[in-house]
Amino acid sequence: MRYLAIALAILATPTFAAPVEFDANWEDLTFRGINATEYGYNGNTLVIQADNSSSVTYKSLPPTEFDSTQVSWNWAVSSSVPVTDLTRKGGDDRNVTIYFMFLDRKSAD
C-alpha cells in the first residue's frame, strides 16, 4: 500500500502585502520511522517531492506580521496520490495539507 502524507504548517498568518518567502529560514519536522518528504525552497515557490514519506515544514513569521488576517496561495499537483478509502485507517493519503497556527501575542513573542 502506498503511503503519502505531506503537511505544511505556517506558524502565523501572512498578509497580502508581505509575501512569505520560501527560503533557508524554513524548518523541517520529521517523524521517527517514516521517510522524510523533500522540500525545495525557491523564493516564491515551494516544491514538495514525496514517495512513501511524511514530514512537516514550517516557518515562524516576524512580529510585524502578527496582526495579519488573510492568506492566499496558488498550487498545482504534477503527480497525484491514488484515491483511497477514507473510512479505513491509513487511507487518509493526500497531496498536501496546509495548517496555520495562530497564537496569542504573548505566546508568539
Protein backbone atom coordinates (compact mmCIF):
# COMPACT_ATOMS: atom_id res chain seq x y z
CA MET A 1 0.00 0.00 0.00
CA ARG A 2 1.40 3.35 -0.98
CA TYR A 3 1.51 5.92 1.79
CA LEU A 4 1.88 9.62 1.23
CA ALA A 5 1.09 12.43 3.58
CA ILE A 6 2.55 15.87 3.36
CA ALA A 7 1.94 18.63 5.84
CA LEU A 8 2.82 22.25 5.59
CA ALA A 9 2.47 24.39 8.67
CA ILE A 10 2.96 28.11 8.95
CA LEU A 11 3.16 29.48 12.49
CA ALA A 12 1.30 32.77 11.88
CA THR A 13 -0.81 34.46 9.24
CA PRO A 14 0.87 36.16 6.27
CA THR A 15 -0.65 39.25 4.69
CA PHE A 16 -1.02 40.04 1.02
CA ALA A 17 1.37 42.99 1.44
CA ALA A 18 4.22 40.87 2.81
CA PRO A 19 4.59 37.54 0.97
CA VAL A 20 6.21 34.68 2.85
CA GLU A 21 9.41 33.66 1.10
CA PHE A 22 10.36 30.01 0.81
CA ASP A 23 13.95 30.48 1.96
CA ALA A 24 16.52 28.90 4.29
CA ASN A 25 14.52 30.04 7.35
CA TRP A 26 12.03 27.18 6.98
CA GLU A 27 12.47 24.21 9.31
CA ASP A 28 11.53 20.59 8.76
CA LEU A 29 9.95 18.31 11.33
CA THR A 30 10.33 14.60 10.63
CA PHE A 31 8.72 11.54 12.19
CA ARG A 32 10.74 8.62 13.52
CA GLY A 33 10.39 5.54 11.32
CA ILE A 34 8.85 7.44 8.37
CA ASN A 35 10.84 8.66 5.38
CA ALA A 36 11.14 12.45 5.24
CA THR A 37 9.48 14.39 2.45
CA GLU A 38 11.87 16.51 0.38
CA TYR A 39 11.23 20.25 0.16
CA GLY A 40 12.73 22.73 -2.29
CA TYR A 41 12.64 26.32 -1.07
CA ASN A 42 12.80 28.51 -4.16
CA GLY A 43 11.85 32.06 -3.19
CA ASN A 44 8.17 32.32 -4.08
CA THR A 45 7.81 28.58 -4.78
CA LEU A 46 7.85 25.52 -2.54
CA VAL A 47 8.49 22.24 -4.35
CA ILE A 48 7.40 19.12 -2.49
CA GLN A 49 8.62 15.66 -3.50
CA ALA A 50 7.23 12.73 -1.58
CA ASP A 51 7.09 8.99 -2.05
CA ASN A 52 6.12 6.84 0.90
CA SER A 53 7.06 9.74 3.19
CA SER A 54 5.71 12.30 5.64
CA SER A 55 7.07 15.38 7.36
CA VAL A 56 6.19 18.99 8.15
CA THR A 57 7.86 22.18 7.02
CA TYR A 58 7.18 25.37 8.92
CA LYS A 59 8.28 28.96 9.42
CA SER A 60 7.54 31.40 12.23
CA LEU A 61 6.76 34.84 10.92
CA PRO A 62 8.24 38.04 12.37
CA PRO A 63 6.28 40.15 14.89
CA THR A 64 5.49 42.66 12.14
CA GLU A 65 3.12 40.05 10.67
CA PHE A 66 1.30 39.12 13.91
CA ASP A 67 -1.72 41.29 13.13
CA SER A 68 -2.23 39.78 9.68
CA THR A 69 -5.66 38.33 8.97
CA GLN A 70 -5.54 36.93 5.42
CA VAL A 71 -3.64 34.34 3.44
CA SER A 72 -3.62 33.40 -0.24
CA TRP A 73 -1.75 30.87 -2.38
CA ASN A 74 -1.77 29.06 -5.71
CA TRP A 75 -0.79 25.41 -6.09
CA ALA A 76 -0.65 22.64 -8.63
CA VAL A 77 -0.08 18.88 -8.46
CA SER A 78 2.09 17.28 -11.14
CA SER A 79 1.58 13.68 -9.94
CA SER A 80 -1.27 12.76 -7.59
CA VAL A 81 -1.62 10.07 -4.97
CA PRO A 82 -4.20 7.36 -5.73
CA VAL A 83 -7.75 7.69 -4.44
CA THR A 84 -8.11 5.99 -1.05
CA ASP A 85 -10.98 4.82 1.15
CA LEU A 86 -11.05 7.47 3.90
CA THR A 87 -13.13 5.18 6.14
CA ARG A 88 -10.13 2.83 6.57
CA LYS A 89 -7.16 3.56 8.83
CA GLY A 90 -4.18 4.63 6.73
CA GLY A 91 -6.50 5.67 3.93
CA ASP A 92 -6.11 9.38 4.53
CA ASP A 93 -3.47 9.97 1.85
CA ARG A 94 -3.49 13.38 0.22
CA ASN A 95 -1.29 15.53 -1.97
CA VAL A 96 -0.72 18.28 0.58
CA THR A 97 -2.18 19.55 3.81
CA ILE A 98 -1.81 23.16 4.87
CA TYR A 99 -2.11 24.11 8.53
CA PHE A 100 -1.98 27.55 10.10
CA MET A 101 -1.22 28.06 13.77
CA PHE A 102 -2.47 31.21 15.41
CA LEU A 103 -1.02 32.14 18.78
CA ASP A 104 -1.98 34.93 21.11
CA ARG A 105 0.50 37.81 21.11
CA LYS A 106 2.03 36.82 24.50
CA SER A 107 2.76 33.24 23.34
CA ALA A 108 4.08 34.40 19.96
CA ASP A 109 6.56 37.00 21.33
